[in-house]
Structures are given as C-alpha cells and as structure tokens.
Amino acid sequence: MLEKFKELICEYVEAEPDAITEESRFIEDLHFNSYDFVDFLGAVETEFDIVIDESEIMDLHTVGDAIAYAQKLQGE
C-alpha cells in the first residue's frame, strides 16, 4: 500500500518517491497545503474505495497514519 500512496502523493506535491516513508509528515516533510491534502484524501478514497470521516482528518499526520487508517476502513 505504501507504493500506491507514494504514487498518489507525487501527483499532489513535488517529492521523490524514494524519500517518502511511513514516517513522512504531510505538512512538515512533504509540504502539502490544506487544499492539496484534501484533494489527495479524495484520491485515496477513490483508489481504495473507502470514505474518510472528515472528523478524523486532523489525526492523519504521517503517511503511516493515513495508510493505517485506510487499512482500517477497508477492513470494516
């Protein structure tokens, strides 16, 4: 799942895929702005056929957080 997240991230910000890890922070490390982050989450919803609860977005600080949340939603 990390590889797919890297692909999606690179569609929204200029980042080297090899530099993206589960510890990468969306704002501080990958330089997402709020608009790009919301668009990115929409792409995640489409790609993984999930619905992200808007109240939980603020808890997604790292790529790993987002992956774990997507996996949890897929398991529900």
PDB file of N, CA and C in Angstrom:
ATOM      1  N   MET A   1       0.816  -1.183   0.000  1.00  0.00           N
ATOM      2  CA  MET A   1       0.000   0.000   0.000  1.00  0.00           C
ATOM      3  C   MET A   1       0.870   1.262   0.000  1.00  0.00           C
ATOM      4  N   LEU A   2       2.040   1.192   0.613  1.00  0.00           N
ATOM      5  CA  LEU A   2       2.936   2.352   0.653  1.00  0.00           C
ATOM      6  C   LEU A   2       3.288   2.815  -0.758  1.00  0.00           C
ATOM      7  N   GLU A   3       3.537   1.889  -1.659  1.00  0.00           N
ATOM      8  CA  GLU A   3       3.917   2.274  -3.028  1.00  0.00           C
ATOM      9  C   GLU A   3       2.798   3.047  -3.709  1.00  0.00           C
ATOM     10  N   LYS A   4       1.559   2.634  -3.519  1.00  0.00           N
ATOM     11  CA  LYS A   4       0.429   3.341  -4.120  1.00  0.00           C
ATOM     12  C   LYS A   4       0.287   4.722  -3.497  1.00  0.00           C
ATOM     13  N   PHE A   5       0.483   4.816  -2.190  1.00  0.00           N
ATOM     14  CA  PHE A   5       0.436   6.118  -1.526  1.00  0.00           C
ATOM     15  C   PHE A   5       1.524   7.039  -2.077  1.00  0.00           C
ATOM     16  N   LYS A   6       2.715   6.504  -2.309  1.00  0.00           N
ATOM     17  CA  LYS A   6       3.791   7.315  -2.882  1.00  0.00           C
ATOM     18  C   LYS A   6       3.377   7.870  -4.238  1.00  0.00           C
ATOM     19  N   GLU A   7       2.770   7.022  -5.074  1.00  0.00           N
ATOM     20  CA  GLU A   7       2.308   7.478  -6.393  1.00  0.00           C
ATOM     21  C   GLU A   7       1.305   8.611  -6.251  1.00  0.00           C
ATOM     22  N   LEU A   8       0.343   8.436  -5.366  1.00  0.00           N
ATOM     23  CA  LEU A   8      -0.677   9.461  -5.171  1.00  0.00           C
ATOM     24  C   LEU A   8      -0.074  10.753  -4.622  1.00  0.00           C
ATOM     25  N   ILE A   9       0.821  10.636  -3.664  1.00  0.00           N
ATOM     26  CA  ILE A   9       1.460  11.815  -3.076  1.00  0.00           C
ATOM     27  C   ILE A   9       2.184  12.619  -4.153  1.00  0.00           C
ATOM     28  N   CYS A  10       2.888  11.935  -5.028  1.00  0.00           N
ATOM     29  CA  CYS A  10       3.672  12.612  -6.066  1.00  0.00           C
ATOM     30  C   CYS A  10       2.786  13.309  -7.105  1.00  0.00           C
ATOM     31  N   GLU A  11       1.512  12.985  -7.137  1.00  0.00           N
ATOM     32  CA  GLU A  11       0.578  13.690  -8.020  1.00  0.00           C
ATOM     33  C   GLU A  11       0.201  15.054  -7.446  1.00  0.00           C
ATOM     34  N   TYR A  12       0.417  15.254  -6.152  1.00  0.00           N
ATOM     35  CA  TYR A  12      -0.020  16.482  -5.486  1.00  0.00           C
ATOM     36  C   TYR A  12       1.113  17.381  -5.013  1.00  0.00           C
ATOM     37  N   VAL A  13       2.257  16.825  -4.734  1.00  0.00           N
ATOM     38  CA  VAL A  13       3.402  17.631  -4.298  1.00  0.00           C
ATOM     39  C   VAL A  13       4.657  17.129  -4.997  1.00  0.00           C
ATOM     40  N   GLU A  14       5.643  17.994  -5.065  1.00  0.00           N
ATOM     41  CA  GLU A  14       6.909  17.589  -5.657  1.00  0.00           C
ATOM     42  C   GLU A  14       7.736  16.893  -4.584  1.00  0.00           C
ATOM     43  N   ALA A  15       7.795  15.594  -4.707  1.00  0.00           N
ATOM     44  CA  ALA A  15       8.545  14.787  -3.747  1.00  0.00           C
ATOM     45  C   ALA A  15       9.149  13.606  -4.494  1.00  0.00           C
ATOM     46  N   GLU A  16      10.303  13.183  -4.057  1.00  0.00           N
ATOM     47  CA  GLU A  16      10.931  12.000  -4.624  1.00  0.00           C
ATOM     48  C   GLU A  16      10.316  10.768  -3.963  1.00  0.00           C
ATOM     49  N   PRO A  17       9.764   9.857  -4.760  1.00  0.00           N
ATOM     50  CA  PRO A  17       9.128   8.677  -4.161  1.00  0.00           C
ATOM     51  C   PRO A  17      10.031   7.925  -3.191  1.00  0.00           C
ATOM     52  N   ASP A  18      11.321   7.847  -3.499  1.00  0.00           N
ATOM     53  CA  ASP A  18      12.247   7.115  -2.628  1.00  0.00           C
ATOM     54  C   ASP A  18      12.429   7.794  -1.280  1.00  0.00           C
ATOM     55  N   ALA A  19      12.114   9.096  -1.214  1.00  0.00           N
ATOM     56  CA  ALA A  19      12.279   9.835   0.036  1.00  0.00           C
ATOM     57  C   ALA A  19      11.045   9.753   0.919  1.00  0.00           C
ATOM     58  N   ILE A  20       9.944   9.221   0.385  1.00  0.00           N
ATOM     59  CA  ILE A  20       8.701   9.136   1.146  1.00  0.00           C
ATOM     60  C   ILE A  20       8.689   7.843   1.953  1.00  0.00           C
ATOM     61  N   THR A  21       8.505   7.985   3.261  1.00  0.00           N
ATOM     62  CA  THR A  21       8.429   6.826   4.152  1.00  0.00           C
ATOM     63  C   THR A  21       7.132   6.917   4.950  1.00  0.00           C
ATOM     64  N   GLU A  22       6.845   5.893   5.709  1.00  0.00           N
ATOM     65  CA  GLU A  22       5.658   5.927   6.563  1.00  0.00           C
ATOM     66  C   GLU A  22       5.787   6.996   7.640  1.00  0.00           C
ATOM     67  N   GLU A  23       7.001   7.422   7.944  1.00  0.00           N
ATOM     68  CA  GLU A  23       7.223   8.452   8.955  1.00  0.00           C
ATOM     69  C   GLU A  23       7.134   9.861   8.371  1.00  0.00           C
ATOM     70  N   SER A  24       7.058   9.986   7.048  1.00  0.00           N
ATOM     71  CA  SER A  24       6.984  11.303   6.411  1.00  0.00           C
ATOM     72  C   SER A  24       5.711  12.014   6.846  1.00  0.00           C
ATOM     73  N   ARG A  25       5.876  13.269   7.279  1.00  0.00           N
ATOM     74  CA  ARG A  25       4.731  14.078   7.709  1.00  0.00           C
ATOM     75  C   ARG A  25       4.215  14.875   6.514  1.00  0.00           C
ATOM     76  N   PHE A  26       2.901  14.902   6.354  1.00  0.00           N
ATOM     77  CA  PHE A  26       2.306  15.544   5.191  1.00  0.00           C
ATOM     78  C   PHE A  26       2.657  17.024   5.091  1.00  0.00           C
ATOM     79  N   ILE A  27       2.517  17.763   6.173  1.00  0.00           N
ATOM     80  CA  ILE A  27       2.734  19.207   6.132  1.00  0.00           C
ATOM     81  C   ILE A  27       4.224  19.545   6.222  1.00  0.00           C
ATOM     82  N   GLU A  28       4.873  19.063   7.260  1.00  0.00           N
ATOM     83  CA  GLU A  28       6.242  19.460   7.543  1.00  0.00           C
ATOM     84  C   GLU A  28       7.265  18.890   6.546  1.00  0.00           C
ATOM     85  N   ASP A  29       7.104  17.629   6.158  1.00  0.00           N
ATOM     86  CA  ASP A  29       8.106  16.981   5.308  1.00  0.00           C
ATOM     87  C   ASP A  29       7.750  17.018   3.819  1.00  0.00           C
ATOM     88  N   LEU A  30       6.470  16.815   3.511  1.00  0.00           N
ATOM     89  CA  LEU A  30       6.055  16.712   2.110  1.00  0.00           C
ATOM     90  C   LEU A  30       5.485  18.020   1.580  1.00  0.00           C
ATOM     91  N   HIS A  31       5.299  18.990   2.468  1.00  0.00           N
ATOM     92  CA  HIS A  31       4.870  20.351   2.102  1.00  0.00           C
ATOM     93  C   HIS A  31       3.495  20.410   1.446  1.00  0.00           C
ATOM     94  N   PHE A  32       2.582  19.586   1.918  1.00  0.00           N
ATOM     95  CA  PHE A  32       1.196  19.680   1.486  1.00  0.00           C
ATOM     96  C   PHE A  32       0.603  20.963   2.049  1.00  0.00           C
ATOM     97  N   ASN A  33      -0.236  21.638   1.264  1.00  0.00           N
ATOM     98  CA  ASN A  33      -1.070  22.683   1.848  1.00  0.00           C
ATOM     99  C   ASN A  33      -2.436  22.052   2.093  1.00  0.00           C
ATOM    100  N   SER A  34      -3.316  22.750   2.767  1.00  0.00           N
ATOM    101  CA  SER A  34      -4.584  22.139   3.146  1.00  0.00           C
ATOM    102  C   SER A  34      -5.422  21.764   1.931  1.00  0.00           C
ATOM    103  N   TYR A  35      -5.400  22.580   0.892  1.00  0.00           N
ATOM    104  CA  TYR A  35      -6.168  22.286  -0.318  1.00  0.00           C
ATOM    105  C   TYR A  35      -5.673  20.994  -0.972  1.00  0.00           C
ATOM    106  N   ASP A  36      -4.349  20.881  -1.153  1.00  0.00           N
ATOM    107  CA  ASP A  36      -3.782  19.677  -1.766  1.00  0.00           C
ATOM    108  C   ASP A  36      -4.045  18.438  -0.912  1.00  0.00           C
ATOM    109  N   PHE A  37      -3.994  18.614   0.403  1.00  0.00           N
ATOM    110  CA  PHE A  37      -4.196  17.473   1.297  1.00  0.00           C
ATOM    111  C   PHE A  37      -5.614  16.930   1.162  1.00  0.00           C
ATOM    112  N   VAL A  38      -6.596  17.819   1.106  1.00  0.00           N
ATOM    113  CA  VAL A  38      -7.986  17.385   0.955  1.00  0.00           C
ATOM    114  C   VAL A  38      -8.175  16.707  -0.401  1.00  0.00           C
ATOM    115  N   ASP A  39      -7.598  17.267  -1.457  1.00  0.00           N
ATOM    116  CA  ASP A  39      -7.677  16.637  -2.783  1.00  0.00           C
ATOM    117  C   ASP A  39      -7.018  15.258  -2.766  1.00  0.00           C
ATOM    118  N   PHE A  40      -5.865  15.174  -2.122  1.00  0.00           N
ATOM    119  CA  PHE A  40      -5.150  13.904  -2.004  1.00  0.00           C
ATOM    120  C   PHE A  40      -6.019  12.862  -1.291  1.00  0.00           C
ATOM    121  N   LEU A  41      -6.666  13.268  -0.209  1.00  0.00           N
ATOM    122  CA  LEU A  41      -7.517  12.325   0.523  1.00  0.00           C
ATOM    123  C   LEU A  41      -8.692  11.867  -0.343  1.00  0.00           C
ATOM    124  N   GLY A  42      -9.199  12.742  -1.195  1.00  0.00           N
ATOM    125  CA  GLY A  42     -10.240  12.338  -2.126  1.00  0.00           C
ATOM    126  C   GLY A  42      -9.746  11.271  -3.080  1.00  0.00           C
ATOM    127  N   ALA A  43      -8.501  11.418  -3.541  1.00  0.00           N
ATOM    128  CA  ALA A  43      -7.908  10.413  -4.423  1.00  0.00           C
ATOM    129  C   ALA A  43      -7.712   9.090  -3.681  1.00  0.00           C
ATOM    130  N   VAL A  44      -7.345   9.166  -2.402  1.00  0.00           N
ATOM    131  CA  VAL A  44      -7.194   7.953  -1.580  1.00  0.00           C
ATOM    132  C   VAL A  44      -8.545   7.253  -1.464  1.00  0.00           C
ATOM    133  N   GLU A  45      -9.598   8.028  -1.225  1.00  0.00           N
ATOM    134  CA  GLU A  45     -10.938   7.437  -1.133  1.00  0.00           C
ATOM    135  C   GLU A  45     -11.304   6.700  -2.419  1.00  0.00           C
ATOM    136  N   THR A  46     -11.035   7.330  -3.539  1.00  0.00           N
ATOM    137  CA  THR A  46     -11.356   6.718  -4.832  1.00  0.00           C
ATOM    138  C   THR A  46     -10.509   5.478  -5.075  1.00  0.00           C
ATOM    139  N   GLU A  47      -9.223   5.591  -4.852  1.00  0.00           N
ATOM    140  CA  GLU A  47      -8.290   4.489  -5.120  1.00  0.00           C
ATOM    141  C   GLU A  47      -8.598   3.251  -4.287  1.00  0.00           C
ATOM    142  N   PHE A  48      -8.931   3.453  -3.019  1.00  0.00           N
ATOM    143  CA  PHE A  48      -9.109   2.326  -2.109  1.00  0.00           C
ATOM    144  C   PHE A  48     -10.577   2.036  -1.793  1.00  0.00           C
ATOM    145  N   ASP A  49     -11.481   2.763  -2.445  1.00  0.00           N
ATOM    146  CA  ASP A  49     -12.918   2.568  -2.274  1.00  0.00           C
ATOM    147  C   ASP A  49     -13.316   2.637  -0.804  1.00  0.00           C
ATOM    148  N   ILE A  50     -12.934   3.751  -0.174  1.00  0.00           N
ATOM    149  CA  ILE A  50     -13.240   3.992   1.233  1.00  0.00           C
ATOM    150  C   ILE A  50     -13.846   5.385   1.363  1.00  0.00           C
ATOM    151  N   VAL A  51     -14.409   5.675   2.526  1.00  0.00           N
ATOM    152  CA  VAL A  51     -14.921   7.014   2.828  1.00  0.00           C
ATOM    153  C   VAL A  51     -14.238   7.481   4.109  1.00  0.00           C
ATOM    154  N   ILE A  52     -13.479   8.557   3.977  1.00  0.00           N
ATOM    155  CA  ILE A  52     -12.740   9.102   5.118  1.00  0.00           C
ATOM    156  C   ILE A  52     -13.657  10.038   5.893  1.00  0.00           C
ATOM    157  N   ASP A  53     -13.757   9.815   7.188  1.00  0.00           N
ATOM    158  CA  ASP A  53     -14.565  10.652   8.065  1.00  0.00           C
ATOM    159  C   ASP A  53     -13.839  11.989   8.254  1.00  0.00           C
ATOM    160  N   GLU A  54     -14.499  13.079   7.875  1.00  0.00           N
ATOM    161  CA  GLU A  54     -13.868  14.393   7.956  1.00  0.00           C
ATOM    162  C   GLU A  54     -13.387  14.732   9.359  1.00  0.00           C
ATOM    163  N   SER A  55     -14.041  14.206  10.374  1.00  0.00           N
ATOM    164  CA  SER A  55     -13.634  14.495  11.753  1.00  0.00           C
ATOM    165  C   SER A  55     -12.323  13.808  12.119  1.00  0.00           C
ATOM    166  N   GLU A  56     -11.889  12.855  11.298  1.00  0.00           N
ATOM    167  CA  GLU A  56     -10.658  12.118  11.593  1.00  0.00           C
ATOM    168  C   GLU A  56      -9.453  12.636  10.806  1.00  0.00           C
ATOM    169  N   ILE A  57      -9.682  13.552   9.881  1.00  0.00           N
ATOM    170  CA  ILE A  57      -8.595  14.053   9.033  1.00  0.00           C
ATOM    171  C   ILE A  57      -7.467  14.662   9.868  1.00  0.00           C
ATOM    172  N   MET A  58      -7.811  15.357  10.928  1.00  0.00           N
ATOM    173  CA  MET A  58      -6.793  16.028  11.745  1.00  0.00           C
ATOM    174  C   MET A  58      -5.863  15.045  12.454  1.00  0.00           C
ATOM    175  N   ASP A  59      -6.237  13.769  12.487  1.00  0.00           N
ATOM    176  CA  ASP A  59      -5.396  12.756  13.128  1.00  0.00           C
ATOM    177  C   ASP A  59      -4.391  12.130  12.159  1.00  0.00           C
ATOM    178  N   LEU A  60      -4.461  12.512  10.891  1.00  0.00           N
ATOM    179  CA  LEU A  60      -3.581  11.924   9.875  1.00  0.00           C
ATOM    180  C   LEU A  60      -2.381  12.843   9.649  1.00  0.00           C
ATOM    181  N   HIS A  61      -1.345  12.627  10.436  1.00  0.00           N
ATOM    182  CA  HIS A  61      -0.160  13.483  10.366  1.00  0.00           C
ATOM    183  C   HIS A  61       0.923  12.916   9.455  1.00  0.00           C
ATOM    184  N   THR A  62       1.039  11.599   9.436  1.00  0.00           N
ATOM    185  CA  THR A  62       2.096  10.959   8.654  1.00  0.00           C
ATOM    186  C   THR A  62       1.500  10.043   7.596  1.00  0.00           C
ATOM    187  N   VAL A  63       2.332   9.661   6.655  1.00  0.00           N
ATOM    188  CA  VAL A  63       1.910   8.709   5.626  1.00  0.00           C
ATOM    189  C   VAL A  63       1.466   7.413   6.296  1.00  0.00           C
ATOM    190  N   GLY A  64       2.188   6.984   7.307  1.00  0.00           N
ATOM    191  CA  GLY A  64       1.836   5.771   8.037  1.00  0.00           C
ATOM    192  C   GLY A  64       0.470   5.870   8.698  1.00  0.00           C
ATOM    193  N   ASP A  65       0.150   7.056   9.252  1.00  0.00           N
ATOM    194  CA  ASP A  65      -1.174   7.267   9.845  1.00  0.00           C
ATOM    195  C   ASP A  65      -2.256   7.047   8.791  1.00  0.00           C
ATOM    196  N   ALA A  66      -2.052   7.626   7.615  1.00  0.00           N
ATOM    197  CA  ALA A  66      -3.050   7.531   6.546  1.00  0.00           C
ATOM    198  C   ALA A  66      -3.187   6.096   6.040  1.00  0.00           C
ATOM    199  N   ILE A  67      -2.068   5.402   5.926  1.00  0.00           N
ATOM    200  CA  ILE A  67      -2.108   4.006   5.476  1.00  0.00           C
ATOM    201  C   ILE A  67      -2.866   3.153   6.497  1.00  0.00           C
ATOM    202  N   ALA A  68      -2.544   3.311   7.765  1.00  0.00           N
ATOM    203  CA  ALA A  68      -3.210   2.529   8.813  1.00  0.00           C
ATOM    204  C   ALA A  68      -4.705   2.823   8.833  1.00  0.00           C
ATOM    205  N   TYR A  69      -5.067   4.086   8.648  1.00  0.00           N
ATOM    206  CA  TYR A  69      -6.486   4.465   8.646  1.00  0.00           C
ATOM    207  C   TYR A  69      -7.196   3.852   7.425  1.00  0.00           C
ATOM    208  N   ALA A  70      -6.562   3.916   6.269  1.00  0.00           N
ATOM    209  CA  ALA A  70      -7.156   3.324   5.050  1.00  0.00           C
ATOM    210  C   ALA A  70      -7.333   1.814   5.216  1.00  0.00           C
ATOM    211  N   GLN A  71      -6.330   1.160   5.796  1.00  0.00           N
ATOM    212  CA  GLN A  71      -6.430  -0.283   6.011  1.00  0.00           C
ATOM    213  C   GLN A  71      -7.560  -0.608   6.991  1.00  0.00           C
ATOM    214  N   LYS A  72      -7.713   0.212   8.017  1.00  0.00           N
ATOM    215  CA  LYS A  72      -8.795   0.013   8.985  1.00  0.00           C
ATOM    216  C   LYS A  72     -10.147   0.141   8.281  1.00  0.00           C
ATOM    217  N   LEU A  73     -10.301   1.156   7.448  1.00  0.00           N
ATOM    218  CA  LEU A  73     -11.567   1.363   6.743  1.00  0.00           C
ATOM    219  C   LEU A  73     -11.851   0.222   5.756  1.00  0.00           C
ATOM    220  N   GLN A  74     -10.811  -0.292   5.146  1.00  0.00           N
ATOM    221  CA  GLN A  74     -11.014  -1.409   4.218  1.00  0.00           C
ATOM    222  C   GLN A  74     -11.463  -2.664   4.955  1.00  0.00           C
ATOM    223  N   GLY A  75     -11.043  -2.800   6.194  1.00  0.00           N
ATOM    224  CA  GLY A  75     -11.397  -3.967   6.978  1.00  0.00           C
ATOM    225  C   GLY A  75     -12.800  -3.908   7.579  1.00  0.00           C
ATOM    226  N   GLU A  76     -13.404  -2.730   7.552  1.00  0.00           N
ATOM    227  CA  GLU A  76     -14.742  -2.566   8.159  1.00  0.00           C
ATOM    228  C   GLU A  76     -15.826  -3.064   7.246  1.00  0.00           C
TER     229      GLU A  76
END
